[in-house]
Amino acid sequence: MPTASYGTGRRKAAIARVWITPGEGNITINDKPAAEYLGRPVLEYLVKSPLVALAMEGQIDVRCKTKGGGISGQAGAIKLGISRALVSMDETLRPSLKVDGFLTRDARIKESKKYGRKKARRGFQFVKR
């Protein structure tokens, strides 16, 4: 088993670079503990979900650098990055991660604004005078 594995995750406008190593289960995001960086337990659970699904929660240390987007998008990007790093570490984990949907890139992004409109789809208020 290699000492460190790498995976990249993307979600909305966020990008996460993730390195995993065998360890005692520490998760560090941008040089801060995960609980401190994410702030919400739901996002912390989301980040840990690939490890929980494989019952590897206390066995792997995760170190990641994220940029772009918001906290929620970054958490989703970290989840995908952890999943990809786990697969690069051990290819036999791929089927169980794929069944649970951890290797699927969520392609939903913000729709761009159109000219002649207030936002992407919303028009300006109309008054018949």
N, C-alpha and C. Protein backbone atom coordinates (compact mmCIF):
# COMPACT_ATOMS: atom_id res chain seq x y z
N MET A 1 0.84 -1.18 0.00
CA MET A 1 0.00 0.00 0.00
C MET A 1 0.89 1.24 0.00
N PRO A 2 0.68 2.18 -0.94
CA PRO A 2 1.52 3.37 -0.99
C PRO A 2 1.34 4.25 0.25
N THR A 3 2.35 5.08 0.51
CA THR A 3 2.31 5.92 1.71
C THR A 3 1.31 7.07 1.58
N ALA A 4 1.24 7.71 0.43
CA ALA A 4 0.31 8.82 0.25
C ALA A 4 -0.36 8.71 -1.12
N SER A 5 -1.64 9.08 -1.17
CA SER A 5 -2.37 9.08 -2.44
C SER A 5 -3.01 10.44 -2.63
N TYR A 6 -3.22 10.80 -3.90
CA TYR A 6 -3.74 12.12 -4.25
C TYR A 6 -5.02 11.99 -5.05
N GLY A 7 -5.95 12.92 -4.82
CA GLY A 7 -7.17 12.98 -5.61
C GLY A 7 -7.63 14.42 -5.73
N THR A 8 -8.22 14.75 -6.88
CA THR A 8 -8.75 16.09 -7.10
C THR A 8 -10.27 16.01 -7.16
N GLY A 9 -10.93 16.94 -6.46
CA GLY A 9 -12.39 17.00 -6.50
C GLY A 9 -12.86 18.38 -6.89
N ARG A 10 -13.96 18.44 -7.63
CA ARG A 10 -14.55 19.72 -8.02
C ARG A 10 -16.04 19.68 -7.76
N ARG A 11 -16.59 20.84 -7.35
CA ARG A 11 -18.03 20.97 -7.11
C ARG A 11 -18.38 22.44 -7.26
N LYS A 12 -19.33 22.77 -8.12
CA LYS A 12 -19.69 24.16 -8.43
C LYS A 12 -18.41 24.91 -8.84
N ALA A 13 -18.03 25.94 -8.11
CA ALA A 13 -16.83 26.69 -8.47
C ALA A 13 -15.64 26.31 -7.58
N ALA A 14 -15.80 25.29 -6.75
CA ALA A 14 -14.76 24.90 -5.78
C ALA A 14 -13.86 23.80 -6.33
N ILE A 15 -12.60 23.87 -5.97
CA ILE A 15 -11.62 22.85 -6.34
C ILE A 15 -10.89 22.42 -5.07
N ALA A 16 -10.77 21.10 -4.88
CA ALA A 16 -10.06 20.57 -3.70
C ALA A 16 -8.96 19.62 -4.16
N ARG A 17 -7.76 19.85 -3.63
CA ARG A 17 -6.65 18.92 -3.84
C ARG A 17 -6.47 18.15 -2.54
N VAL A 18 -6.56 16.82 -2.61
CA VAL A 18 -6.63 15.99 -1.41
C VAL A 18 -5.50 14.96 -1.40
N TRP A 19 -4.80 14.88 -0.26
CA TRP A 19 -3.78 13.86 -0.04
C TRP A 19 -4.21 13.02 1.14
N ILE A 20 -4.17 11.69 1.00
CA ILE A 20 -4.51 10.81 2.12
C ILE A 20 -3.31 9.92 2.46
N THR A 21 -3.14 9.70 3.75
CA THR A 21 -2.08 8.83 4.25
C THR A 21 -2.64 7.96 5.37
N PRO A 22 -2.08 6.77 5.57
CA PRO A 22 -2.51 5.97 6.73
C PRO A 22 -2.20 6.74 8.02
N GLY A 23 -3.12 6.75 8.96
CA GLY A 23 -2.93 7.51 10.19
C GLY A 23 -4.04 7.26 11.18
N GLU A 24 -4.34 8.30 11.99
CA GLU A 24 -5.34 8.12 13.05
C GLU A 24 -6.64 8.87 12.80
N GLY A 25 -6.91 9.32 11.58
CA GLY A 25 -8.21 9.91 11.25
C GLY A 25 -8.29 11.42 11.32
N ASN A 26 -7.15 12.11 11.29
CA ASN A 26 -7.16 13.58 11.31
C ASN A 26 -7.53 14.11 9.92
N ILE A 27 -8.43 15.11 9.89
CA ILE A 27 -8.79 15.75 8.63
C ILE A 27 -8.42 17.23 8.74
N THR A 28 -7.51 17.67 7.85
CA THR A 28 -7.03 19.05 7.85
C THR A 28 -7.40 19.70 6.53
N ILE A 29 -8.08 20.85 6.62
CA ILE A 29 -8.48 21.59 5.42
C ILE A 29 -7.85 22.98 5.49
N ASN A 30 -7.05 23.31 4.50
CA ASN A 30 -6.34 24.61 4.47
C ASN A 30 -5.64 24.89 5.81
N ASP A 31 -4.93 23.91 6.33
CA ASP A 31 -4.14 23.99 7.56
C ASP A 31 -4.98 24.25 8.81
N LYS A 32 -6.27 23.91 8.77
CA LYS A 32 -7.14 24.00 9.94
C LYS A 32 -7.84 22.67 10.12
N PRO A 33 -8.22 22.31 11.36
CA PRO A 33 -9.02 21.09 11.56
C PRO A 33 -10.36 21.23 10.83
N ALA A 34 -10.90 20.11 10.35
CA ALA A 34 -12.13 20.12 9.55
C ALA A 34 -13.29 20.77 10.29
N ALA A 35 -13.45 20.47 11.59
CA ALA A 35 -14.57 21.02 12.35
C ALA A 35 -14.49 22.54 12.42
N GLU A 36 -13.29 23.07 12.56
CA GLU A 36 -13.09 24.51 12.65
C GLU A 36 -13.30 25.18 11.29
N TYR A 37 -12.81 24.56 10.22
CA TYR A 37 -12.91 25.16 8.89
C TYR A 37 -14.33 25.13 8.35
N LEU A 38 -15.01 23.97 8.47
CA LEU A 38 -16.34 23.82 7.89
C LEU A 38 -17.43 24.50 8.72
N GLY A 39 -17.31 24.43 10.05
CA GLY A 39 -18.24 25.14 10.91
C GLY A 39 -19.55 24.42 11.18
N ARG A 40 -20.04 23.59 10.25
CA ARG A 40 -21.32 22.90 10.43
C ARG A 40 -21.10 21.39 10.47
N PRO A 41 -21.71 20.70 11.43
CA PRO A 41 -21.56 19.24 11.52
C PRO A 41 -22.03 18.50 10.27
N VAL A 42 -23.03 19.04 9.58
CA VAL A 42 -23.54 18.39 8.36
C VAL A 42 -22.45 18.31 7.30
N LEU A 43 -21.69 19.40 7.14
CA LEU A 43 -20.61 19.42 6.15
C LEU A 43 -19.47 18.50 6.57
N GLU A 44 -19.23 18.43 7.87
CA GLU A 44 -18.19 17.53 8.39
C GLU A 44 -18.57 16.07 8.09
N TYR A 45 -19.86 15.75 8.27
CA TYR A 45 -20.35 14.40 7.96
C TYR A 45 -20.22 14.12 6.46
N LEU A 46 -20.51 15.12 5.62
CA LEU A 46 -20.40 14.97 4.17
C LEU A 46 -18.97 14.65 3.76
N VAL A 47 -18.02 15.35 4.36
CA VAL A 47 -16.61 15.13 4.04
C VAL A 47 -16.16 13.72 4.47
N LYS A 48 -16.64 13.27 5.62
CA LYS A 48 -16.24 11.96 6.14
C LYS A 48 -16.98 10.79 5.49
N SER A 49 -18.05 11.05 4.76
CA SER A 49 -18.93 9.99 4.26
C SER A 49 -18.24 8.88 3.44
N PRO A 50 -17.25 9.17 2.56
CA PRO A 50 -16.59 8.06 1.86
C PRO A 50 -15.83 7.15 2.82
N LEU A 51 -15.21 7.73 3.84
CA LEU A 51 -14.47 6.93 4.82
C LEU A 51 -15.42 6.11 5.68
N VAL A 52 -16.56 6.69 6.05
CA VAL A 52 -17.56 5.97 6.86
C VAL A 52 -18.13 4.80 6.06
N ALA A 53 -18.39 5.01 4.76
CA ALA A 53 -18.95 3.96 3.91
C ALA A 53 -18.01 2.76 3.79
N LEU A 54 -16.71 3.01 3.86
CA LEU A 54 -15.72 1.93 3.76
C LEU A 54 -15.23 1.44 5.11
N ALA A 55 -15.77 2.00 6.20
CA ALA A 55 -15.35 1.67 7.57
C ALA A 55 -13.86 1.91 7.77
N MET A 56 -13.36 3.04 7.27
CA MET A 56 -11.94 3.41 7.39
C MET A 56 -11.80 4.73 8.14
N GLU A 57 -12.80 5.10 8.92
CA GLU A 57 -12.88 6.43 9.51
C GLU A 57 -11.69 6.80 10.38
N GLY A 58 -11.21 5.90 11.23
CA GLY A 58 -10.11 6.24 12.12
C GLY A 58 -8.75 5.79 11.63
N GLN A 59 -8.66 5.37 10.37
CA GLN A 59 -7.42 4.77 9.87
C GLN A 59 -6.67 5.65 8.87
N ILE A 60 -7.31 6.72 8.37
CA ILE A 60 -6.71 7.51 7.31
C ILE A 60 -6.67 8.99 7.68
N ASP A 61 -5.53 9.62 7.48
CA ASP A 61 -5.38 11.06 7.66
C ASP A 61 -5.64 11.74 6.31
N VAL A 62 -6.36 12.85 6.35
CA VAL A 62 -6.70 13.58 5.13
C VAL A 62 -6.15 15.00 5.26
N ARG A 63 -5.42 15.44 4.22
CA ARG A 63 -4.91 16.81 4.17
C ARG A 63 -5.33 17.38 2.83
N CYS A 64 -6.01 18.53 2.85
CA CYS A 64 -6.47 19.09 1.58
C CYS A 64 -6.35 20.60 1.53
N LYS A 65 -6.22 21.09 0.31
CA LYS A 65 -6.19 22.51 0.01
C LYS A 65 -7.38 22.79 -0.90
N THR A 66 -8.21 23.76 -0.51
CA THR A 66 -9.37 24.09 -1.33
C THR A 66 -9.32 25.56 -1.70
N LYS A 67 -9.96 25.86 -2.83
CA LYS A 67 -10.10 27.26 -3.24
C LYS A 67 -11.34 27.37 -4.12
N GLY A 68 -11.89 28.57 -4.17
CA GLY A 68 -13.04 28.84 -5.00
C GLY A 68 -14.35 28.42 -4.36
N GLY A 69 -15.44 29.04 -4.79
CA GLY A 69 -16.76 28.67 -4.31
C GLY A 69 -16.98 29.00 -2.85
N GLY A 70 -17.97 28.35 -2.25
CA GLY A 70 -18.28 28.55 -0.85
C GLY A 70 -17.95 27.31 -0.04
N ILE A 71 -18.29 27.34 1.23
CA ILE A 71 -17.95 26.23 2.13
C ILE A 71 -18.65 24.94 1.70
N SER A 72 -19.91 25.02 1.32
CA SER A 72 -20.68 23.83 0.94
C SER A 72 -20.11 23.19 -0.33
N GLY A 73 -19.80 24.00 -1.32
CA GLY A 73 -19.20 23.49 -2.55
C GLY A 73 -17.83 22.89 -2.29
N GLN A 74 -17.06 23.52 -1.41
CA GLN A 74 -15.74 22.99 -1.06
C GLN A 74 -15.86 21.64 -0.36
N ALA A 75 -16.88 21.49 0.51
CA ALA A 75 -17.08 20.22 1.20
C ALA A 75 -17.40 19.11 0.19
N GLY A 76 -18.23 19.41 -0.80
CA GLY A 76 -18.54 18.44 -1.85
C GLY A 76 -17.32 18.09 -2.67
N ALA A 77 -16.48 19.08 -2.95
CA ALA A 77 -15.25 18.84 -3.70
C ALA A 77 -14.28 17.96 -2.91
N ILE A 78 -14.21 18.19 -1.60
CA ILE A 78 -13.33 17.38 -0.73
C ILE A 78 -13.82 15.94 -0.71
N LYS A 79 -15.13 15.74 -0.65
CA LYS A 79 -15.71 14.39 -0.64
C LYS A 79 -15.29 13.63 -1.90
N LEU A 80 -15.40 14.27 -3.07
CA LEU A 80 -15.01 13.63 -4.32
C LEU A 80 -13.50 13.39 -4.36
N GLY A 81 -12.72 14.36 -3.85
CA GLY A 81 -11.27 14.21 -3.82
C GLY A 81 -10.83 13.05 -2.93
N ILE A 82 -11.46 12.89 -1.77
CA ILE A 82 -11.15 11.77 -0.87
C ILE A 82 -11.48 10.45 -1.56
N SER A 83 -12.63 10.38 -2.22
CA SER A 83 -13.04 9.16 -2.91
C SER A 83 -12.04 8.78 -4.01
N ARG A 84 -11.63 9.76 -4.78
CA ARG A 84 -10.67 9.49 -5.86
C ARG A 84 -9.31 9.10 -5.31
N ALA A 85 -8.90 9.72 -4.21
CA ALA A 85 -7.62 9.36 -3.59
C ALA A 85 -7.66 7.94 -3.04
N LEU A 86 -8.79 7.55 -2.46
CA LEU A 86 -8.94 6.18 -1.95
C LEU A 86 -8.83 5.16 -3.08
N VAL A 87 -9.44 5.46 -4.23
CA VAL A 87 -9.37 4.56 -5.38
C VAL A 87 -7.94 4.48 -5.92
N SER A 88 -7.22 5.62 -5.94
CA SER A 88 -5.83 5.58 -6.42
C SER A 88 -4.92 4.82 -5.44
N MET A 89 -5.32 4.80 -4.16
CA MET A 89 -4.56 4.05 -3.16
C MET A 89 -4.83 2.54 -3.28
N ASP A 90 -6.10 2.17 -3.49
CA ASP A 90 -6.48 0.76 -3.56
C ASP A 90 -7.64 0.62 -4.55
N GLU A 91 -7.35 0.06 -5.73
CA GLU A 91 -8.34 -0.06 -6.81
C GLU A 91 -9.52 -0.97 -6.45
N THR A 92 -9.34 -1.85 -5.47
CA THR A 92 -10.43 -2.77 -5.09
C THR A 92 -11.58 -2.04 -4.37
N LEU A 93 -11.35 -0.79 -3.93
CA LEU A 93 -12.40 -0.02 -3.26
C LEU A 93 -13.36 0.62 -4.26
N ARG A 94 -12.99 0.64 -5.54
CA ARG A 94 -13.78 1.33 -6.56
C ARG A 94 -15.24 0.88 -6.64
N PRO A 95 -15.53 -0.43 -6.71
CA PRO A 95 -16.93 -0.84 -6.85
C PRO A 95 -17.83 -0.38 -5.71
N SER A 96 -17.36 -0.48 -4.47
CA SER A 96 -18.20 -0.08 -3.34
C SER A 96 -18.41 1.44 -3.30
N LEU A 97 -17.40 2.22 -3.70
CA LEU A 97 -17.57 3.67 -3.76
C LEU A 97 -18.48 4.08 -4.91
N LYS A 98 -18.38 3.36 -6.03
CA LYS A 98 -19.19 3.68 -7.20
C LYS A 98 -20.67 3.40 -6.95
N VAL A 99 -20.97 2.30 -6.26
CA VAL A 99 -22.36 1.94 -5.94
C VAL A 99 -23.01 3.03 -5.08
N ASP A 100 -22.27 3.57 -4.13
CA ASP A 100 -22.80 4.61 -3.24
C ASP A 100 -22.78 6.00 -3.87
N GLY A 101 -22.22 6.14 -5.08
CA GLY A 101 -22.24 7.42 -5.80
C GLY A 101 -21.16 8.40 -5.40
N PHE A 102 -20.10 7.93 -4.78
CA PHE A 102 -19.04 8.83 -4.32
C PHE A 102 -18.07 9.23 -5.44
N LEU A 103 -18.08 8.52 -6.55
CA LEU A 103 -17.15 8.83 -7.64
C LEU A 103 -17.80 9.64 -8.75
N THR A 104 -19.04 10.08 -8.54
CA THR A 104 -19.76 10.85 -9.54
C THR A 104 -19.54 12.34 -9.32
N ARG A 105 -19.09 13.02 -10.36
CA ARG A 105 -18.89 14.47 -10.29
C ARG A 105 -20.24 15.15 -10.45
N ASP A 106 -20.63 15.98 -9.49
CA ASP A 106 -21.88 16.71 -9.56
C ASP A 106 -21.68 17.91 -10.49
N ALA A 107 -22.25 17.86 -11.68
CA ALA A 107 -21.97 18.85 -12.72
C ALA A 107 -22.82 20.11 -12.62
N ARG A 108 -23.69 20.20 -11.62
CA ARG A 108 -24.57 21.37 -11.53
C ARG A 108 -23.76 22.61 -11.13
N ILE A 109 -23.80 23.62 -11.99
CA ILE A 109 -23.11 24.88 -11.71
C ILE A 109 -24.08 26.03 -11.93
N LYS A 110 -23.70 27.23 -11.53
CA LYS A 110 -24.54 28.40 -11.68
C LYS A 110 -24.70 28.74 -13.16
N GLU A 111 -25.95 28.98 -13.55
CA GLU A 111 -26.21 29.36 -14.94
C GLU A 111 -25.82 30.83 -15.14
N SER A 112 -25.25 31.14 -16.29
CA SER A 112 -24.76 32.50 -16.54
C SER A 112 -25.92 33.45 -16.83
N LYS A 113 -25.70 34.71 -16.50
CA LYS A 113 -26.70 35.75 -16.71
C LYS A 113 -26.83 36.04 -18.21
N LYS A 114 -28.07 36.29 -18.64
CA LYS A 114 -28.33 36.62 -20.04
C LYS A 114 -28.60 38.12 -20.18
N TYR A 115 -28.24 38.69 -21.32
CA TYR A 115 -28.51 40.11 -21.55
C TYR A 115 -30.02 40.30 -21.72
N GLY A 116 -30.51 41.47 -21.33
CA GLY A 116 -31.93 41.76 -21.40
C GLY A 116 -32.72 41.15 -20.26
N ARG A 117 -32.02 40.55 -19.31
CA ARG A 117 -32.66 39.94 -18.14
C ARG A 117 -31.94 40.38 -16.88
N LYS A 118 -32.65 40.26 -15.75
CA LYS A 118 -32.07 40.67 -14.47
C LYS A 118 -31.06 39.64 -13.97
N LYS A 119 -31.40 38.34 -14.14
CA LYS A 119 -30.51 37.24 -13.75
C LYS A 119 -30.48 36.25 -14.92
N ALA A 120 -30.18 34.99 -14.67
CA ALA A 120 -30.09 34.02 -15.75
C ALA A 120 -31.43 33.83 -16.46
N ARG A 121 -32.51 33.73 -15.68
CA ARG A 121 -33.83 33.52 -16.27
C ARG A 121 -34.85 34.58 -15.90
N ARG A 122 -34.66 35.23 -14.77
CA ARG A 122 -35.63 36.19 -14.29
C ARG A 122 -35.56 37.47 -15.13
N GLY A 123 -36.71 37.88 -15.65
CA GLY A 123 -36.77 39.12 -16.42
C GLY A 123 -36.95 40.32 -15.50
N PHE A 124 -36.92 41.51 -16.10
CA PHE A 124 -37.19 42.72 -15.31
C PHE A 124 -38.68 42.81 -15.04
N GLN A 125 -39.05 43.50 -13.98
CA GLN A 125 -40.47 43.65 -13.65
C GLN A 125 -41.19 44.42 -14.76
N PHE A 126 -42.37 43.90 -15.12
CA PHE A 126 -43.13 44.50 -16.22
C PHE A 126 -44.36 45.21 -15.67
N VAL A 127 -44.56 46.46 -16.08
CA VAL A 127 -45.75 47.20 -15.68
C VAL A 127 -46.44 47.70 -16.95
N LYS A 128 -47.70 47.31 -17.14
CA LYS A 128 -48.46 47.75 -18.31
C LYS A 128 -49.10 49.09 -17.97
N ARG A 129 -48.64 50.15 -18.59
CA ARG A 129 -49.16 51.50 -18.27
C ARG A 129 -49.79 52.12 -19.48
